[in-house]
Amino acid sequence: MARNIQSLERAAAMLRLLAGGERRLGLSDIASSLGLAKGTAHGILRTLQQEGFVEQDDASGRYQLGAELLRLGTTYLDVHELRARALVWTDDLARSSGESVYLGVLHQQGVLIVHHVFRPDDSRQVLEIGAMQPLHSTALGKVLSAYDPVAHSEAVEADRKPFTDRTTCDQDAFEHILDITRARGYAADVEETWEGVASVAAPIHDRRRMPVGAVGITGAVERLCRDGELRPELIAAVRDCARAVSRDLGAGRF
């Protein structure tokens, strides 16, 4: 059995201590409560402070939880709420389209799949929650890059490698695709990431009208496309789903 890392255990215990009881604690209080030497406690606190997880009051010298923990917690809550609000609508989209449905958010220069509804048939499928997709070639990624400034910066700075002959890697051509995406309200991926596979995705906004994710369907080109173009009824279904989830998040009408 792998051994736990003692310094991480102590840091976790320190954060839990600061999260309960008094709002601010001094070094002696923290060291005494956790049974640590002052030098050890101070070293852990200094590292947590450098990472933004702990803050020190200049006047009293006491420690409290830092803003970085709030940011991480808010991110978790946002994703959790996004999935919860999208459950019914993504199930409906899978049934109406007959295709797999994916819900994605920006994460580490890519798209993190946070929800996946299987194609409603008897085919063998693999759950892809937790999988990562590229920003520059997938429909989900292009939607996030078009509407989220942070995602746009990540996509521009990333190495936009080709996955197929259809992948757009040139910067100007990529920016043109993002302009089209914003103009029509959805993004497409027809064999740009995987041969024989097409996708369409639309943005999801929260109560602040900020982009918080994207929802889309993925399937075989011959099912999603007709005469070389994405089927209009599938595009409409994806956009309706995105608007419904956005409304449930408090965004109002788009």
Protein backbone atom coordinates (compact mmCIF):
# COMPACT_ATOMS: atom_id res chain seq x y z
CA MET A 1 0.00 0.00 0.00
CA ALA A 2 1.31 3.44 -0.94
CA ARG A 3 2.22 5.64 2.03
CA ASN A 4 0.56 9.02 2.50
CA ILE A 5 2.71 12.12 2.18
CA GLN A 6 3.00 13.54 5.69
CA SER A 7 3.50 17.16 4.67
CA LEU A 8 0.30 17.09 2.59
CA GLU A 9 -1.62 15.50 5.46
CA ARG A 10 -0.40 18.27 7.77
CA ALA A 11 -1.31 20.97 5.25
CA ALA A 12 -4.80 19.50 4.85
CA ALA A 13 -5.24 19.37 8.63
CA MET A 14 -4.10 22.99 8.85
CA LEU A 15 -6.67 24.10 6.27
CA ARG A 16 -9.43 22.23 8.09
CA LEU A 17 -8.38 23.87 11.35
CA LEU A 18 -8.52 27.33 9.79
CA ALA A 19 -11.90 26.54 8.25
CA GLY A 20 -13.51 25.88 11.63
CA GLY A 21 -13.65 27.65 14.95
CA GLU A 22 -12.05 31.07 15.15
CA ARG A 23 -11.68 32.98 11.89
CA ARG A 24 -7.99 33.72 12.47
CA LEU A 25 -5.37 31.74 14.36
CA GLY A 26 -1.82 32.51 15.43
CA LEU A 27 1.19 30.33 14.72
CA SER A 28 1.35 29.04 18.29
CA ASP A 29 -2.34 28.10 18.28
CA ILE A 30 -1.99 26.23 14.98
CA ALA A 31 1.17 24.39 16.02
CA SER A 32 -0.29 23.43 19.40
CA SER A 33 -3.62 22.25 17.96
CA LEU A 34 -1.92 19.99 15.42
CA GLY A 35 0.93 18.83 17.67
CA LEU A 36 3.60 20.35 15.43
CA ALA A 37 6.80 22.20 16.15
CA LYS A 38 6.49 25.92 15.44
CA GLY A 39 9.17 25.74 12.75
CA THR A 40 7.33 22.93 10.94
CA ALA A 41 3.98 24.71 11.18
CA HIS A 42 5.51 27.96 9.97
CA GLY A 43 7.07 26.26 6.95
CA ILE A 44 3.75 24.74 5.89
CA LEU A 45 1.91 28.02 6.45
CA ARG A 46 4.48 29.91 4.40
CA THR A 47 4.05 27.49 1.48
CA LEU A 48 0.25 27.67 1.69
CA GLN A 49 0.49 31.45 1.81
CA GLN A 50 2.67 31.55 -1.31
CA GLU A 51 0.07 29.45 -3.15
CA GLY A 52 -2.78 31.70 -2.02
CA PHE A 53 -4.47 29.09 0.18
CA VAL A 54 -3.67 30.98 3.39
CA GLU A 55 -3.43 34.70 4.16
CA GLN A 56 -1.69 36.43 7.08
CA ASP A 57 -3.12 39.53 8.72
CA ASP A 58 -0.44 42.23 8.73
CA ALA A 59 -1.58 43.77 12.01
CA SER A 60 -2.04 40.67 14.18
CA GLY A 61 0.16 38.16 12.34
CA ARG A 62 -2.68 35.64 12.52
CA TYR A 63 -3.58 33.32 9.66
CA GLN A 64 -6.85 32.71 7.81
CA LEU A 65 -8.00 30.90 4.67
CA GLY A 66 -6.98 32.56 1.41
CA ALA A 67 -8.83 33.64 -1.70
CA GLU A 68 -7.45 30.78 -3.84
CA LEU A 69 -9.52 28.29 -1.84
CA LEU A 70 -12.62 30.37 -2.49
CA ARG A 71 -11.84 30.39 -6.21
CA LEU A 72 -11.38 26.62 -6.32
CA GLY A 73 -14.54 26.09 -4.30
CA THR A 74 -16.54 28.38 -6.57
CA THR A 75 -15.25 26.53 -9.63
CA TYR A 76 -16.39 23.22 -8.13
CA LEU A 77 -19.80 24.63 -7.27
CA ASP A 78 -20.18 26.14 -10.74
CA VAL A 79 -19.43 22.84 -12.46
CA HIS A 80 -21.64 20.95 -10.03
CA GLU A 81 -24.54 23.33 -10.65
CA LEU A 82 -23.95 23.23 -14.40
CA ARG A 83 -24.19 19.42 -14.44
CA ALA A 84 -27.23 19.42 -12.19
CA ARG A 85 -29.07 21.95 -14.34
CA ALA A 86 -28.13 20.15 -17.56
CA LEU A 87 -29.17 16.60 -16.61
CA VAL A 88 -32.75 16.69 -17.87
CA TRP A 89 -32.02 18.79 -20.95
CA THR A 90 -29.07 16.65 -22.09
CA ASP A 91 -31.14 13.49 -21.66
CA ASP A 92 -33.85 15.06 -23.83
CA LEU A 93 -31.26 16.07 -26.42
CA ALA A 94 -29.88 12.53 -26.62
CA ARG A 95 -33.38 11.13 -27.12
CA SER A 96 -34.40 13.69 -29.76
CA SER A 97 -31.14 13.56 -31.72
CA GLY A 98 -30.33 9.90 -31.28
CA GLU A 99 -26.70 10.86 -30.61
CA SER A 100 -24.24 11.09 -27.74
CA VAL A 101 -24.34 14.34 -25.77
CA TYR A 102 -21.33 15.98 -24.13
CA LEU A 103 -21.10 18.82 -21.64
CA GLY A 104 -17.69 20.51 -21.49
CA VAL A 105 -15.91 23.25 -19.57
CA LEU A 106 -12.54 24.96 -19.96
CA HIS A 107 -9.73 23.20 -18.08
CA GLN A 108 -5.95 23.35 -18.52
CA GLN A 109 -5.85 24.51 -22.15
CA GLY A 110 -8.54 22.06 -23.20
CA VAL A 111 -12.14 20.99 -22.80
CA LEU A 112 -12.94 18.83 -19.79
CA ILE A 113 -15.97 16.57 -20.31
CA VAL A 114 -18.05 16.88 -17.13
CA HIS A 115 -21.18 15.07 -18.34
CA HIS A 116 -21.81 12.47 -21.04
CA VAL A 117 -25.11 10.96 -22.11
CA PHE A 118 -24.85 7.79 -24.18
CA ARG A 119 -26.36 7.50 -27.63
CA PRO A 120 -29.80 5.92 -27.01
CA ASP A 121 -29.25 2.62 -28.81
CA ASP A 122 -27.85 -0.77 -27.90
CA SER A 123 -24.32 -0.11 -29.13
CA ARG A 124 -21.35 -0.55 -26.80
CA GLN A 125 -20.12 2.82 -25.56
CA VAL A 126 -17.46 4.11 -23.16
CA LEU A 127 -18.24 6.77 -20.56
CA GLU A 128 -16.00 9.78 -21.28
CA ILE A 129 -16.54 11.92 -18.19
CA GLY A 130 -13.13 13.30 -17.25
CA ALA A 131 -11.77 13.07 -20.80
CA MET A 132 -10.06 16.07 -22.36
CA GLN A 133 -10.70 17.45 -25.85
CA PRO A 134 -8.71 20.10 -27.77
CA LEU A 135 -9.93 23.68 -28.00
CA HIS A 136 -9.04 24.39 -31.61
CA SER A 137 -10.64 21.46 -33.44
CA THR A 138 -13.68 20.23 -31.51
CA ALA A 139 -17.10 21.87 -31.60
CA LEU A 140 -17.09 22.21 -27.80
CA GLY A 141 -13.63 23.77 -27.86
CA LYS A 142 -14.43 26.24 -30.61
CA VAL A 143 -17.56 27.38 -28.76
CA LEU A 144 -15.57 28.00 -25.58
CA SER A 145 -12.81 29.76 -27.55
CA ALA A 146 -15.37 32.00 -29.27
CA TYR A 147 -17.24 33.09 -26.16
CA ASP A 148 -14.75 32.82 -23.27
CA PRO A 149 -11.77 35.24 -23.41
CA VAL A 150 -9.67 32.94 -21.23
CA ALA A 151 -10.38 29.96 -23.49
CA HIS A 152 -9.58 32.12 -26.50
CA SER A 153 -6.18 33.02 -25.06
CA GLU A 154 -5.48 29.39 -24.23
CA ALA A 155 -6.40 28.28 -27.76
CA VAL A 156 -4.26 30.99 -29.35
CA GLU A 157 -1.23 30.22 -27.21
CA ALA A 158 -1.53 26.44 -27.51
CA ASP A 159 0.12 24.27 -30.14
CA ARG A 160 -2.75 23.80 -32.61
CA LYS A 161 -1.65 20.50 -34.09
CA PRO A 162 -3.52 18.84 -36.96
CA PHE A 163 -5.54 15.72 -36.17
CA THR A 164 -6.86 15.23 -39.70
CA ASP A 165 -6.49 16.96 -43.07
CA ARG A 166 -9.46 19.16 -42.12
CA THR A 167 -8.04 20.56 -38.86
CA THR A 168 -7.64 24.33 -38.88
CA CYS A 169 -4.27 25.32 -37.44
CA ASP A 170 -3.58 28.71 -39.03
CA GLN A 171 -4.20 31.59 -36.63
CA ASP A 172 -6.12 33.84 -39.03
CA ALA A 173 -8.27 30.97 -40.29
CA PHE A 174 -8.98 29.94 -36.70
CA GLU A 175 -10.03 33.47 -35.73
CA HIS A 176 -12.35 33.53 -38.77
CA ILE A 177 -14.01 30.32 -37.56
CA LEU A 178 -14.54 31.88 -34.14
CA ASP A 179 -16.14 34.93 -35.77
CA ILE A 180 -18.53 32.63 -37.64
CA THR A 181 -19.24 30.72 -34.43
CA ARG A 182 -20.24 33.91 -32.59
CA ALA A 183 -22.34 35.11 -35.54
CA ARG A 184 -24.41 31.94 -35.85
CA GLY A 185 -24.40 30.82 -32.19
CA TYR A 186 -22.90 27.36 -32.62
CA ALA A 187 -19.71 25.60 -33.71
CA ALA A 188 -19.16 22.61 -35.95
CA ASP A 189 -16.52 19.91 -36.23
CA VAL A 190 -16.81 17.74 -39.32
CA GLU A 191 -13.89 15.30 -39.32
CA GLU A 192 -11.54 17.95 -37.90
CA THR A 193 -10.66 15.90 -34.82
CA TRP A 194 -11.60 12.33 -35.72
CA GLU A 195 -12.09 10.79 -39.16
CA GLY A 196 -15.71 9.92 -39.83
CA VAL A 197 -17.00 11.85 -36.80
CA ALA A 198 -18.96 15.12 -36.71
CA SER A 199 -20.06 17.35 -33.83
CA VAL A 200 -22.10 20.47 -33.21
CA ALA A 201 -22.06 22.51 -29.98
CA ALA A 202 -23.52 25.69 -28.50
CA PRO A 203 -22.57 27.90 -25.53
CA ILE A 204 -24.10 27.86 -22.06
CA HIS A 205 -24.23 31.11 -20.06
CA ASP A 206 -24.88 31.77 -16.37
CA ARG A 207 -26.92 34.44 -14.59
CA ARG A 208 -24.15 36.97 -15.26
CA ARG A 209 -24.37 36.19 -18.98
CA MET A 210 -20.88 34.72 -18.72
CA PRO A 211 -19.97 31.58 -20.71
CA VAL A 212 -19.62 28.67 -18.30
CA GLY A 213 -19.57 25.70 -20.66
CA ALA A 214 -20.75 24.20 -23.90
CA VAL A 215 -23.09 21.36 -24.84
CA GLY A 216 -22.99 19.37 -28.03
CA ILE A 217 -23.73 16.13 -29.84
CA THR A 218 -21.23 13.84 -31.54
CA GLY A 219 -21.79 11.04 -34.00
CA ALA A 220 -21.00 9.52 -37.35
CA VAL A 221 -20.78 11.99 -40.24
CA GLU A 222 -23.39 10.08 -42.23
CA ARG A 223 -25.92 10.55 -39.42
CA LEU A 224 -25.17 14.18 -38.48
CA CYS A 225 -24.67 15.51 -42.00
CA ARG A 226 -26.79 15.66 -45.12
CA ASP A 227 -25.27 16.64 -48.49
CA GLY A 228 -22.05 17.59 -46.71
CA GLU A 229 -23.72 19.95 -44.24
CA LEU A 230 -24.81 19.49 -40.64
CA ARG A 231 -28.52 18.74 -40.43
CA PRO A 232 -30.40 21.95 -39.46
CA GLU A 233 -32.74 20.13 -37.08
CA LEU A 234 -29.77 18.84 -35.07
CA ILE A 235 -28.22 22.29 -34.89
CA ALA A 236 -31.56 23.68 -33.67
CA ALA A 237 -31.86 20.92 -31.05
CA VAL A 238 -28.39 21.63 -29.65
CA ARG A 239 -29.01 25.36 -29.51
CA ASP A 240 -32.37 24.81 -27.80
CA CYS A 241 -30.67 22.62 -25.20
CA ALA A 242 -27.98 25.23 -24.55
CA ARG A 243 -30.59 27.97 -24.16
CA ALA A 244 -32.66 25.81 -21.79
CA VAL A 245 -29.68 25.11 -19.54
CA SER A 246 -28.69 28.78 -19.64
CA ARG A 247 -32.21 29.80 -18.59
CA ASP A 248 -32.07 27.32 -15.69
CA LEU A 249 -28.79 28.95 -14.64
CA GLY A 250 -30.53 32.32 -14.57
CA ALA A 251 -29.29 33.73 -17.87
CA GLY A 252 -32.75 34.61 -19.19
CA ARG A 253 -33.46 34.60 -22.91
CA PHE A 254 -30.74 34.61 -25.58
